[in-house]
Amino acid sequence: MWRREVDDLLTHRERQVLCLIGQAKTTKEIAHLLNLSVHTIGSYRRVLRAKLNLRSGTELALYASNVAYLRSTGFVEQV
C-alpha cells in the first residue's frame, strides 16, 4: 500500500503507532511514549491490522518495519 493510500486510510495517531511499531517498540514502550494505556495501544494494533488487511501481529510488525525502512532510505516520505 502506497503512502497516499495509507494517509487516507489511517488517522494521525494510527500512523504514529505504526511508525513506532516499525521502530521495534513494544506495546508498553509505545503506550509510555504516547501517554496512553497499554490497552489503548492494543486496540490501535487491532484497528491497524483490520485497516491494512493484515492477519497477525507479526504481519503488522513486518509491514511497519518495511515502511520504516522505506522512509529511512527516502523512498517514501516521512509521516
Protein backbone atom coordinates (compact mmCIF):
# COMPACT_ATOMS: atom_id res chain seq x y z
CA MET A 1 0.00 0.00 0.00
CA TRP A 2 1.50 3.34 -1.01
CA ARG A 3 1.84 6.36 1.28
CA ARG A 4 -1.14 8.30 -0.12
CA GLU A 5 -3.43 5.32 0.41
CA VAL A 6 -2.17 4.90 3.96
CA ASP A 7 -2.62 8.63 4.67
CA ASP A 8 -6.22 8.45 3.51
CA LEU A 9 -6.86 5.26 5.46
CA LEU A 10 -5.16 5.91 8.81
CA THR A 11 -5.58 8.65 11.39
CA HIS A 12 -2.58 10.65 12.57
CA ARG A 13 -2.43 8.65 15.82
CA GLU A 14 -2.63 5.34 13.93
CA ARG A 15 0.31 6.45 11.76
CA GLN A 16 2.25 7.36 14.92
CA VAL A 17 1.62 3.91 16.38
CA LEU A 18 2.55 2.25 13.08
CA CYS A 19 5.85 4.17 12.94
CA LEU A 20 6.71 3.19 16.50
CA ILE A 21 5.91 -0.45 15.74
CA GLY A 22 8.28 -0.11 12.77
CA GLN A 23 10.98 1.06 15.18
CA ALA A 24 10.54 -2.22 17.10
CA LYS A 25 8.97 -0.53 20.13
CA THR A 26 6.92 -2.77 22.41
CA THR A 27 3.29 -2.07 23.22
CA LYS A 28 4.35 -0.90 26.68
CA GLU A 29 7.00 1.43 25.23
CA ILE A 30 4.54 2.89 22.72
CA ALA A 31 1.98 3.45 25.48
CA HIS A 32 4.58 5.29 27.57
CA LEU A 33 5.80 7.43 24.65
CA LEU A 34 2.28 8.45 23.63
CA ASN A 35 0.98 8.74 27.20
CA LEU A 36 -1.73 6.14 26.54
CA SER A 37 -2.67 2.87 28.20
CA VAL A 38 -1.33 -0.48 27.05
CA HIS A 39 -4.95 -1.49 26.36
CA THR A 40 -5.41 1.51 24.05
CA ILE A 41 -2.28 0.61 22.08
CA GLY A 42 -3.58 -2.96 21.77
CA SER A 43 -6.77 -1.51 20.30
CA TYR A 44 -4.75 0.59 17.84
CA ARG A 45 -2.84 -2.54 16.80
CA ARG A 46 -6.11 -4.40 16.13
CA VAL A 47 -7.51 -1.46 14.13
CA LEU A 48 -4.29 -1.20 12.11
CA ARG A 49 -4.40 -4.92 11.27
CA ALA A 50 -8.01 -4.60 10.14
CA LYS A 51 -7.48 -1.44 8.06
CA LEU A 52 -4.31 -2.80 6.42
CA ASN A 53 -5.79 -6.27 5.86
CA LEU A 54 -3.10 -7.97 7.93
CA ARG A 55 -3.81 -11.25 9.72
CA SER A 56 -1.42 -11.15 12.64
CA GLY A 57 0.77 -9.02 14.84
CA THR A 58 3.76 -10.45 13.01
CA GLU A 59 2.44 -9.22 9.66
CA LEU A 60 1.80 -5.81 11.22
CA ALA A 61 5.37 -5.65 12.55
CA LEU A 62 6.81 -6.66 9.16
CA TYR A 63 4.64 -4.11 7.35
CA ALA A 64 5.64 -1.38 9.82
CA SER A 65 9.33 -2.33 9.53
CA ASN A 66 9.15 -2.13 5.74
CA VAL A 67 7.51 1.30 5.92
CA ALA A 68 10.21 2.45 8.38
CA TYR A 69 12.95 1.13 6.08
CA LEU A 70 11.48 2.81 3.00
CA ARG A 71 11.21 6.10 4.88
CA SER A 72 14.81 5.85 6.09
CA THR A 73 16.02 5.41 2.50
CA GLY A 74 13.97 8.39 1.32
CA PHE A 75 11.85 6.19 -0.96
CA VAL A 76 8.72 7.09 1.00
CA GLU A 77 8.18 10.48 2.65
CA GLN A 78 8.19 10.88 6.43
CA VAL A 79 4.84 10.92 8.22
